Amino acid sequence: MSDKSIRQNHHRSPEWQPLISGQDQFYKAGAAKKNATGVLSEQESFKRMYERTGKNDAKDHFEPIYTYQDKKASAASPESNLPDKKDIKTDTAANELMQKEILEKLKKDAHEQGFLQGKKEGYDAGMLEAGKTVDSLAHIMSSLDDLWHRMVSRYENEIIELVKRISEKVIYGQTQIDNEIVKRAILKTFELIPDPTEATINVSAEDYEFIETAKEDLFEKIKSLKNVSIVSDPSLSRGGCRVETTSGEVDADIGSRLDAISRSIMDAANEIADDQ
């Protein structure tokens, strides 16, 4: 074989495909058809090899090379591994919902923690303020107590004299409008004398006529009394009296009673001073 023949054999048509082992029978069948009809071309024979019918066995099934390569390329394509857009949207919505729930829970926990912290701080602040108020009140009360004691100690005599004068105003004012005061004073005095039979009752000039007319009431009130003398005494104040009996004398003058009130106040003041 010449070099020219070799070069001609190496020159192949662009449509040329290698003959795969086991498929030469299709080529032979094509050739037989050509011999019978005289019209089947070589191209038709190769087409018979690549285009199979359903009558062939599964083991003889041939898949076109371009189809296999297309599937392989499709499987190897990065885009084929990407998730569906619908799945991406669903996952995104789920993640957003989860993040929102987590955020809401964090806000709620922070709010509750802040409320409890604020409540405790408010309680502590209130207790601190209340403690300051109580301490302030205690200090004020202590100061007032000290002030009262100082005032009593400093103005003790003046206070007693003031009380005495107030009592005089009240008592003397009452005697001017109530004649019964002297009568009640006489009866009160006879309660201090056991079973009097005879008595001399000294009253003020203003009360003399009233007691003289009321003498009969004295006998009814004091059953043991048999004889009574009424005497006008200018030294006595209106509303007061002095009763003399065989058992003794009882002074119930208004002035004497005011002196007794003053002495009682003095005694009480002295007891307070001693306790301090």
C-alpha atoms as a PDB file:
ATOM      1  CA  MET A   1       0.000   0.000   0.000  1.00  0.00           C
ATOM      2  CA  SER A   2       1.380   3.287  -1.046  1.00  0.00           C
ATOM      3  CA  ASP A   3       1.818   6.313   1.175  1.00  0.00           C
ATOM      4  CA  LYS A   4      -0.958   8.020  -0.703  1.00  0.00           C
ATOM      5  CA  SER A   5      -3.368   5.215   0.113  1.00  0.00           C
ATOM      6  CA  ILE A   6      -2.455   5.377   3.776  1.00  0.00           C
ATOM      7  CA  ARG A   7      -3.067   9.088   3.851  1.00  0.00           C
ATOM      8  CA  GLN A   8      -6.394   8.579   2.131  1.00  0.00           C
ATOM      9  CA  ASN A   9      -7.413   5.968   4.702  1.00  0.00           C
ATOM     10  CA  HIS A  10      -6.552   8.301   7.575  1.00  0.00           C
ATOM     11  CA  HIS A  11      -8.847  10.961   6.139  1.00  0.00           C
ATOM     12  CA  ARG A  12     -12.286  10.507   7.687  1.00  0.00           C
ATOM     13  CA  SER A  13     -15.545  12.280   7.229  1.00  0.00           C
ATOM     14  CA  PRO A  14     -16.654  14.621  10.074  1.00  0.00           C
ATOM     15  CA  GLU A  15     -19.674  12.374  10.530  1.00  0.00           C
ATOM     16  CA  TRP A  16     -17.570   9.304  11.053  1.00  0.00           C
ATOM     17  CA  GLN A  17     -18.084   7.411  14.340  1.00  0.00           C
ATOM     18  CA  PRO A  18     -16.098   4.376  15.484  1.00  0.00           C
ATOM     19  CA  LEU A  19     -17.728   1.025  15.157  1.00  0.00           C
ATOM     20  CA  ILE A  20     -18.511  -0.356  18.581  1.00  0.00           C
ATOM     21  CA  SER A  21     -17.908  -4.018  19.215  1.00  0.00           C
ATOM     22  CA  GLY A  22     -21.013  -6.190  18.862  1.00  0.00           C
ATOM     23  CA  GLN A  23     -22.841  -3.764  16.610  1.00  0.00           C
ATOM     24  CA  ASP A  24     -21.423  -4.977  13.297  1.00  0.00           C
ATOM     25  CA  GLN A  25     -24.565  -7.067  12.826  1.00  0.00           C
ATOM     26  CA  PHE A  26     -26.531  -3.893  12.169  1.00  0.00           C
ATOM     27  CA  TYR A  27     -24.045  -2.925   9.538  1.00  0.00           C
ATOM     28  CA  LYS A  28     -24.345  -6.333   7.897  1.00  0.00           C
ATOM     29  CA  ALA A  29     -28.150  -6.101   7.955  1.00  0.00           C
ATOM     30  CA  GLY A  30     -27.890  -2.787   6.173  1.00  0.00           C
ATOM     31  CA  ALA A  31     -25.604  -4.208   3.599  1.00  0.00           C
ATOM     32  CA  ALA A  32     -27.993  -7.101   2.989  1.00  0.00           C
ATOM     33  CA  LYS A  33     -30.836  -4.674   2.447  1.00  0.00           C
ATOM     34  CA  LYS A  34     -28.721  -2.831  -0.066  1.00  0.00           C
ATOM     35  CA  ASN A  35     -28.013  -6.014  -1.937  1.00  0.00           C
ATOM     36  CA  ALA A  36     -31.729  -6.799  -2.088  1.00  0.00           C
ATOM     37  CA  THR A  37     -32.990  -3.437  -3.166  1.00  0.00           C
ATOM     38  CA  GLY A  38     -29.904  -1.786  -4.404  1.00  0.00           C
ATOM     39  CA  VAL A  39     -30.921   1.484  -2.806  1.00  0.00           C
ATOM     40  CA  LEU A  40     -29.751   1.271   0.885  1.00  0.00           C
ATOM     41  CA  SER A  41     -26.749   3.469   1.372  1.00  0.00           C
ATOM     42  CA  GLU A  42     -23.867   3.139   3.753  1.00  0.00           C
ATOM     43  CA  GLN A  43     -25.271   6.023   5.742  1.00  0.00           C
ATOM     44  CA  GLU A  44     -28.519   4.115   6.195  1.00  0.00           C
ATOM     45  CA  SER A  45     -26.593   1.145   7.493  1.00  0.00           C
ATOM     46  CA  PHE A  46     -24.869   3.229  10.145  1.00  0.00           C
ATOM     47  CA  LYS A  47     -28.181   4.798  11.038  1.00  0.00           C
ATOM     48  CA  ARG A  48     -29.531   1.316  11.648  1.00  0.00           C
ATOM     49  CA  MET A  49     -26.735   0.776  14.135  1.00  0.00           C
ATOM     50  CA  TYR A  50     -27.498   3.924  16.130  1.00  0.00           C
ATOM     51  CA  GLU A  51     -31.286   3.964  16.004  1.00  0.00           C
ATOM     52  CA  ARG A  52     -32.697   0.932  17.735  1.00  0.00           C
ATOM     53  CA  THR A  53     -36.251  -0.297  17.707  1.00  0.00           C
ATOM     54  CA  GLY A  54     -38.262  -1.652  20.633  1.00  0.00           C
ATOM     55  CA  LYS A  55     -37.898  -5.168  19.292  1.00  0.00           C
ATOM     56  CA  ASN A  56     -34.267  -5.413  20.351  1.00  0.00           C
ATOM     57  CA  ASP A  57     -33.337  -7.093  23.590  1.00  0.00           C
ATOM     58  CA  ALA A  58     -32.435  -4.985  26.593  1.00  0.00           C
ATOM     59  CA  LYS A  59     -28.844  -6.110  26.367  1.00  0.00           C
ATOM     60  CA  ASP A  60     -28.650  -4.863  22.791  1.00  0.00           C
ATOM     61  CA  HIS A  61     -30.141  -1.445  23.664  1.00  0.00           C
ATOM     62  CA  PHE A  62     -27.932   1.387  22.539  1.00  0.00           C
ATOM     63  CA  GLU A  63     -28.189   4.878  23.919  1.00  0.00           C
ATOM     64  CA  PRO A  64     -26.934   7.606  21.640  1.00  0.00           C
ATOM     65  CA  ILE A  65     -23.616   8.995  22.802  1.00  0.00           C
ATOM     66  CA  TYR A  66     -24.817  12.570  22.697  1.00  0.00           C
ATOM     67  CA  THR A  67     -27.776  11.774  25.011  1.00  0.00           C
ATOM     68  CA  TYR A  68     -25.561  10.108  27.603  1.00  0.00           C
ATOM     69  CA  GLN A  69     -23.096  12.947  27.475  1.00  0.00           C
ATOM     70  CA  ASP A  70     -25.887  15.492  27.872  1.00  0.00           C
ATOM     71  CA  LYS A  71     -27.186  13.723  30.997  1.00  0.00           C
ATOM     72  CA  LYS A  72     -23.682  13.411  32.395  1.00  0.00           C
ATOM     73  CA  ALA A  73     -23.083  17.096  31.789  1.00  0.00           C
ATOM     74  CA  SER A  74     -26.403  17.941  33.373  1.00  0.00           C
ATOM     75  CA  ALA A  75     -25.584  15.881  36.454  1.00  0.00           C
ATOM     76  CA  ALA A  76     -22.171  17.509  36.747  1.00  0.00           C
ATOM     77  CA  SER A  77     -23.597  21.020  36.353  1.00  0.00           C
ATOM     78  CA  PRO A  78     -23.415  23.104  39.583  1.00  0.00           C
ATOM     79  CA  GLU A  79     -26.828  24.589  38.870  1.00  0.00           C
ATOM     80  CA  SER A  80     -28.435  21.149  39.123  1.00  0.00           C
ATOM     81  CA  ASN A  81     -27.477  20.943  42.822  1.00  0.00           C
ATOM     82  CA  LEU A  82     -29.046  24.300  43.710  1.00  0.00           C
ATOM     83  CA  PRO A  83     -32.240  24.164  45.826  1.00  0.00           C
ATOM     84  CA  ASP A  84     -35.548  25.190  44.388  1.00  0.00           C
ATOM     85  CA  LYS A  85     -36.493  28.892  44.756  1.00  0.00           C
ATOM     86  CA  LYS A  86     -39.718  27.908  46.521  1.00  0.00           C
ATOM     87  CA  ASP A  87     -37.743  25.881  49.072  1.00  0.00           C
ATOM     88  CA  ILE A  88     -35.399  28.830  49.592  1.00  0.00           C
ATOM     89  CA  LYS A  89     -38.346  31.169  50.294  1.00  0.00           C
ATOM     90  CA  THR A  90     -39.886  28.653  52.705  1.00  0.00           C
ATOM     91  CA  ASP A  91     -36.621  28.199  54.614  1.00  0.00           C
ATOM     92  CA  THR A  92     -36.084  31.961  54.736  1.00  0.00           C
ATOM     93  CA  ALA A  93     -39.592  32.565  56.135  1.00  0.00           C
ATOM     94  CA  ALA A  94     -39.098  29.839  58.745  1.00  0.00           C
ATOM     95  CA  ASN A  95     -35.759  31.321  59.804  1.00  0.00           C
ATOM     96  CA  GLU A  96     -37.281  34.797  60.050  1.00  0.00           C
ATOM     97  CA  LEU A  97     -40.159  33.457  62.150  1.00  0.00           C
ATOM     98  CA  MET A  98     -37.747  31.634  64.446  1.00  0.00           C
ATOM     99  CA  GLN A  99     -35.596  34.749  64.833  1.00  0.00           C
ATOM    100  CA  LYS A 100     -38.711  36.814  65.572  1.00  0.00           C
ATOM    101  CA  GLU A 101     -39.856  34.352  68.260  1.00  0.00           C
ATOM    102  CA  ILE A 102     -36.390  34.354  69.837  1.00  0.00           C
ATOM    103  CA  LEU A 103     -36.331  38.162  69.796  1.00  0.00           C
ATOM    104  CA  GLU A 104     -39.792  38.362  71.387  1.00  0.00           C
ATOM    105  CA  LYS A 105     -38.757  35.917  74.114  1.00  0.00           C
ATOM    106  CA  LEU A 106     -35.603  37.905  74.817  1.00  0.00           C
ATOM    107  CA  LYS A 107     -37.673  41.105  75.044  1.00  0.00           C
ATOM    108  CA  LYS A 108     -40.173  39.440  77.383  1.00  0.00           C
ATOM    109  CA  ASP A 109     -37.431  38.033  79.613  1.00  0.00           C
ATOM    110  CA  ALA A 110     -35.698  41.404  79.684  1.00  0.00           C
ATOM    111  CA  HIS A 111     -38.973  43.141  80.543  1.00  0.00           C
ATOM    112  CA  GLU A 112     -39.755  40.720  83.379  1.00  0.00           C
ATOM    113  CA  GLN A 113     -36.237  40.922  84.718  1.00  0.00           C
ATOM    114  CA  GLY A 114     -36.340  44.708  84.505  1.00  0.00           C
ATOM    115  CA  PHE A 115     -39.726  44.804  86.247  1.00  0.00           C
ATOM    116  CA  LEU A 116     -38.519  42.607  89.103  1.00  0.00           C
ATOM    117  CA  GLN A 117     -35.308  44.568  89.375  1.00  0.00           C
ATOM    118  CA  GLY A 118     -37.225  47.857  89.341  1.00  0.00           C
ATOM    119  CA  LYS A 119     -39.701  46.552  91.900  1.00  0.00           C
ATOM    120  CA  LYS A 120     -36.903  45.511  94.246  1.00  0.00           C
ATOM    121  CA  GLU A 121     -35.081  48.784  93.746  1.00  0.00           C
ATOM    122  CA  GLY A 122     -38.314  50.708  94.336  1.00  0.00           C
ATOM    123  CA  TYR A 123     -39.014  48.732  97.506  1.00  0.00           C
ATOM    124  CA  ASP A 124     -35.479  49.287  98.781  1.00  0.00           C
ATOM    125  CA  ALA A 125     -35.689  52.989  97.947  1.00  0.00           C
ATOM    126  CA  GLY A 126     -39.076  53.248  99.674  1.00  0.00           C
ATOM    127  CA  MET A 127     -37.812  51.486 102.778  1.00  0.00           C
ATOM    128  CA  LEU A 128     -34.753  53.725 102.848  1.00  0.00           C
ATOM    129  CA  GLU A 129     -36.921  56.827 102.496  1.00  0.00           C
ATOM    130  CA  ALA A 130     -39.353  55.557 105.132  1.00  0.00           C
ATOM    131  CA  GLY A 131     -36.456  54.885 107.471  1.00  0.00           C
ATOM    132  CA  LYS A 132     -35.235  58.424 106.992  1.00  0.00           C
ATOM    133  CA  THR A 133     -38.740  59.758 107.679  1.00  0.00           C
ATOM    134  CA  VAL A 134     -39.083  57.679 110.853  1.00  0.00           C
ATOM    135  CA  ASP A 135     -35.682  58.819 112.058  1.00  0.00           C
ATOM    136  CA  SER A 136     -36.635  62.414 111.331  1.00  0.00           C
ATOM    137  CA  LEU A 137     -39.926  62.078 113.229  1.00  0.00           C
ATOM    138  CA  ALA A 138     -38.177  60.434 116.162  1.00  0.00           C
ATOM    139  CA  HIS A 139     -35.698  63.291 116.244  1.00  0.00           C
ATOM    140  CA  ILE A 140     -38.537  65.840 116.155  1.00  0.00           C
ATOM    141  CA  MET A 141     -40.404  64.068 118.976  1.00  0.00           C
ATOM    142  CA  SER A 142     -37.261  63.910 121.044  1.00  0.00           C
ATOM    143  CA  SER A 143     -36.656  67.603 120.429  1.00  0.00           C
ATOM    144  CA  LEU A 144     -40.232  68.461 121.395  1.00  0.00           C
ATOM    145  CA  ASP A 145     -39.953  66.383 124.540  1.00  0.00           C
ATOM    146  CA  ASP A 146     -36.756  68.148 125.517  1.00  0.00           C
ATOM    147  CA  LEU A 147     -38.333  71.500 124.713  1.00  0.00           C
ATOM    148  CA  TRP A 148     -41.366  70.665 126.850  1.00  0.00           C
ATOM    149  CA  HIS A 149     -39.206  69.713 129.809  1.00  0.00           C
ATOM    150  CA  ARG A 150     -37.140  72.875 129.470  1.00  0.00           C
ATOM    151  CA  MET A 151     -40.267  75.011 129.247  1.00  0.00           C
ATOM    152  CA  VAL A 152     -41.834  73.338 132.284  1.00  0.00           C
ATOM    153  CA  SER A 153     -38.643  73.702 134.255  1.00  0.00           C
ATOM    154  CA  ARG A 154     -38.187  77.329 133.266  1.00  0.00           C
ATOM    155  CA  TYR A 155     -41.795  78.483 133.444  1.00  0.00           C
ATOM    156  CA  GLU A 156     -43.094  76.153 136.121  1.00  0.00           C
ATOM    157  CA  ASN A 157     -44.233  78.871 138.530  1.00  0.00           C
ATOM    158  CA  GLU A 158     -45.719  80.946 135.734  1.00  0.00           C
ATOM    159  CA  ILE A 159     -47.653  77.933 134.412  1.00  0.00           C
ATOM    160  CA  ILE A 160     -49.060  77.138 137.848  1.00  0.00           C
ATOM    161  CA  GLU A 161     -50.110  80.721 138.364  1.00  0.00           C
ATOM    162  CA  LEU A 162     -51.750  80.738 134.951  1.00  0.00           C
ATOM    163  CA  VAL A 163     -53.733  77.598 135.768  1.00  0.00           C
ATOM    164  CA  LYS A 164     -54.839  79.117 139.050  1.00  0.00           C
ATOM    165  CA  ARG A 165     -56.061  82.289 137.407  1.00  0.00           C
ATOM    166  CA  ILE A 166     -57.947  80.367 134.755  1.00  0.00           C
ATOM    167  CA  SER A 167     -59.626  78.300 137.444  1.00  0.00           C
ATOM    168  CA  GLU A 168     -60.614  81.452 139.335  1.00  0.00           C
ATOM    169  CA  LYS A 169     -62.112  82.965 136.212  1.00  0.00           C
ATOM    170  CA  VAL A 170     -64.167  79.863 135.573  1.00  0.00           C
ATOM    171  CA  ILE A 171     -65.316  79.348 139.159  1.00  0.00           C
ATOM    172  CA  TYR A 172     -66.080  82.960 139.986  1.00  0.00           C
ATOM    173  CA  GLY A 173     -67.832  83.402 136.692  1.00  0.00           C
ATOM    174  CA  GLN A 174     -69.997  80.418 137.441  1.00  0.00           C
ATOM    175  CA  THR A 175     -70.895  81.658 140.953  1.00  0.00           C
ATOM    176  CA  GLN A 176     -72.244  84.890 139.535  1.00  0.00           C
ATOM    177  CA  ILE A 177     -74.931  83.085 137.573  1.00  0.00           C
ATOM    178  CA  ASP A 178     -75.568  79.975 139.676  1.00  0.00           C
ATOM    179  CA  ASN A 179     -76.796  80.398 143.276  1.00  0.00           C
ATOM    180  CA  GLU A 180     -76.865  76.661 143.738  1.00  0.00           C
ATOM    181  CA  ILE A 181     -73.077  76.581 143.898  1.00  0.00           C
ATOM    182  CA  VAL A 182     -72.997  77.715 147.525  1.00  0.00           C
ATOM    183  CA  LYS A 183     -75.769  75.282 148.456  1.00  0.00           C
ATOM    184  CA  ARG A 184     -73.851  72.367 146.884  1.00  0.00           C
ATOM    185  CA  ALA A 185     -70.710  73.526 148.701  1.00  0.00           C
ATOM    186  CA  ILE A 186     -72.516  73.445 152.082  1.00  0.00           C
ATOM    187  CA  LEU A 187     -73.905  69.951 151.482  1.00  0.00           C
ATOM    188  CA  LYS A 188     -70.487  68.728 150.369  1.00  0.00           C
ATOM    189  CA  THR A 189     -68.958  70.135 153.564  1.00  0.00           C
ATOM    190  CA  PHE A 190     -71.476  68.365 155.822  1.00  0.00           C
ATOM    191  CA  GLU A 191     -70.460  65.052 154.199  1.00  0.00           C
ATOM    192  CA  LEU A 192     -67.105  65.513 155.893  1.00  0.00           C
ATOM    193  CA  ILE A 193     -68.685  65.961 159.333  1.00  0.00           C
ATOM    194  CA  PRO A 194     -70.005  62.816 161.044  1.00  0.00           C
ATOM    195  CA  ASP A 195     -73.609  63.150 162.295  1.00  0.00           C
ATOM    196  CA  PRO A 196     -73.737  66.910 162.939  1.00  0.00           C
ATOM    197  CA  THR A 197     -76.551  68.101 165.231  1.00  0.00           C
ATOM    198  CA  GLU A 198     -75.785  71.794 165.498  1.00  0.00           C
ATOM    199  CA  ALA A 199     -73.880  73.991 163.005  1.00  0.00           C
ATOM    200  CA  THR A 200     -73.050  77.564 162.112  1.00  0.00           C
ATOM    201  CA  ILE A 201     -72.838  78.224 158.386  1.00  0.00           C
ATOM    202  CA  ASN A 202     -70.801  81.248 157.275  1.00  0.00           C
ATOM    203  CA  VAL A 203     -71.464  82.525 153.742  1.00  0.00           C
ATOM    204  CA  SER A 204     -70.744  85.660 151.713  1.00  0.00           C
ATOM    205  CA  ALA A 205     -73.067  88.659 151.882  1.00  0.00           C
ATOM    206  CA  GLU A 206     -74.236  87.888 148.312  1.00  0.00           C
ATOM    207  CA  ASP A 207     -75.289  84.342 149.284  1.00  0.00           C
ATOM    208  CA  TYR A 208     -76.786  85.100 152.710  1.00  0.00           C
ATOM    209  CA  GLU A 209     -80.416  85.657 151.672  1.00  0.00           C
ATOM    210  CA  PHE A 210     -80.406  82.663 149.322  1.00  0.00           C
ATOM    211  CA  ILE A 211     -79.133  80.275 152.024  1.00  0.00           C
ATOM    212  CA  GLU A 212     -81.501  81.698 154.610  1.00  0.00           C
ATOM    213  CA  THR A 213     -84.461  80.810 152.421  1.00  0.00           C
ATOM    214  CA  ALA A 214     -82.987  77.398 151.575  1.00  0.00           C
ATOM    215  CA  LYS A 215     -82.276  76.447 155.187  1.00  0.00           C
ATOM    216  CA  GLU A 216     -85.247  74.093 155.327  1.00  0.00           C
ATOM    217  CA  ASP A 217     -83.764  72.084 152.460  1.00  0.00           C
ATOM    218  CA  LEU A 218     -80.641  71.555 154.560  1.00  0.00           C
ATOM    219  CA  PHE A 219     -82.671  69.897 157.338  1.00  0.00           C
ATOM    220  CA  GLU A 220     -84.267  67.587 154.792  1.00  0.00           C
ATOM    221  CA  LYS A 221     -80.890  66.628 153.304  1.00  0.00           C
ATOM    222  CA  ILE A 222     -79.060  66.255 156.642  1.00  0.00           C
ATOM    223  CA  LYS A 223     -81.311  64.179 158.942  1.00  0.00           C
ATOM    224  CA  SER A 224     -79.105  64.489 162.060  1.00  0.00           C
ATOM    225  CA  LEU A 225     -79.070  68.273 161.920  1.00  0.00           C
ATOM    226  CA  LYS A 226     -81.321  69.870 164.579  1.00  0.00           C
ATOM    227  CA  ASN A 227     -80.198  73.481 164.801  1.00  0.00           C
ATOM    228  CA  VAL A 228     -78.559  75.733 162.116  1.00  0.00           C
ATOM    229  CA  SER A 229     -77.388  79.337 162.199  1.00  0.00           C
ATOM    230  CA  ILE A 230     -76.631  81.311 159.007  1.00  0.00           C
ATOM    231  CA  VAL A 231     -73.960  84.053 159.325  1.00  0.00           C
ATOM    232  CA  SER A 232     -72.879  86.618 156.689  1.00  0.00           C
ATOM    233  CA  ASP A 233     -69.063  86.776 156.507  1.00  0.00           C
ATOM    234  CA  PRO A 234     -67.525  89.506 154.298  1.00  0.00           C
ATOM    235  CA  SER A 235     -64.206  87.614 154.186  1.00  0.00           C
ATOM    236  CA  LEU A 236     -65.817  84.839 152.165  1.00  0.00           C
ATOM    237  CA  SER A 237     -66.173  84.933 148.397  1.00  0.00           C
ATOM    238  CA  ARG A 238     -69.470  84.304 146.708  1.00  0.00           C
ATOM    239  CA  GLY A 239     -70.080  80.593 146.276  1.00  0.00           C
ATOM    240  CA  GLY A 240     -67.907  79.698 149.239  1.00  0.00           C
ATOM    241  CA  CYS A 241     -68.709  78.760 152.854  1.00  0.00           C
ATOM    242  CA  ARG A 242     -67.245  77.798 156.191  1.00  0.00           C
ATOM    243  CA  VAL A 243     -69.070  75.377 158.485  1.00  0.00           C
ATOM    244  CA  GLU A 244     -68.460  75.253 162.240  1.00  0.00           C
ATOM    245  CA  THR A 245     -69.671  72.361 164.429  1.00  0.00           C
ATOM    246  CA  THR A 246     -68.901  70.905 167.812  1.00  0.00           C
ATOM    247  CA  SER A 247     -66.690  68.388 165.975  1.00  0.00           C
ATOM    248  CA  GLY A 248     -64.612  70.978 164.120  1.00  0.00           C
ATOM    249  CA  GLU A 249     -64.474  73.513 161.312  1.00  0.00           C
ATOM    250  CA  VAL A 250     -64.404  72.989 157.549  1.00  0.00           C
ATOM    251  CA  ASP A 251     -63.370  75.802 155.204  1.00  0.00           C
ATOM    252  CA  ALA A 252     -64.931  75.562 151.747  1.00  0.00           C
ATOM    253  CA  ASP A 253     -64.221  79.082 150.572  1.00  0.00           C
ATOM    254  CA  ILE A 254     -63.574  79.552 146.842  1.00  0.00           C
ATOM    255  CA  GLY A 255     -60.141  80.977 147.566  1.00  0.00           C
ATOM    256  CA  SER A 256     -59.264  77.977 149.708  1.00  0.00           C
ATOM    257  CA  ARG A 257     -60.365  75.608 147.004  1.00  0.00           C
ATOM    258  CA  LEU A 258     -58.272  77.433 144.417  1.00  0.00           C
ATOM    259  CA  ASP A 259     -55.290  77.192 146.736  1.00  0.00           C
ATOM    260  CA  ALA A 260     -55.887  73.452 146.970  1.00  0.00           C
ATOM    261  CA  ILE A 261     -55.942  73.232 143.187  1.00  0.00           C
ATOM    262  CA  SER A 262     -52.659  75.144 142.990  1.00  0.00           C
ATOM    263  CA  ARG A 263     -51.035  72.840 145.536  1.00  0.00           C
ATOM    264  CA  SER A 264     -52.182  69.802 143.550  1.00  0.00           C
ATOM    265  CA  ILE A 265     -50.643  71.205 140.386  1.00  0.00           C
ATOM    266  CA  MET A 266     -47.395  71.943 142.186  1.00  0.00           C
ATOM    267  CA  ASP A 267     -47.233  68.434 143.586  1.00  0.00           C
ATOM    268  CA  ALA A 268     -47.816  66.928 140.125  1.00  0.00           C
ATOM    269  CA  ALA A 269     -45.103  69.134 138.609  1.00  0.00           C
ATOM    270  CA  ASN A 270     -42.653  68.113 141.314  1.00  0.00           C
ATOM    271  CA  GLU A 271     -43.358  64.432 140.679  1.00  0.00           C
ATOM    272  CA  ILE A 272     -42.665  64.900 136.965  1.00  0.00           C
ATOM    273  CA  ALA A 273     -39.403  66.681 137.754  1.00  0.00           C
ATOM    274  CA  ASP A 274     -38.360  63.873 140.105  1.00  0.00           C
ATOM    275  CA  ASP A 275     -39.063  61.222 137.446  1.00  0.00           C
ATOM    276  CA  GLN A 276     -36.750  62.988 135.018  1.00  0.00           C
END
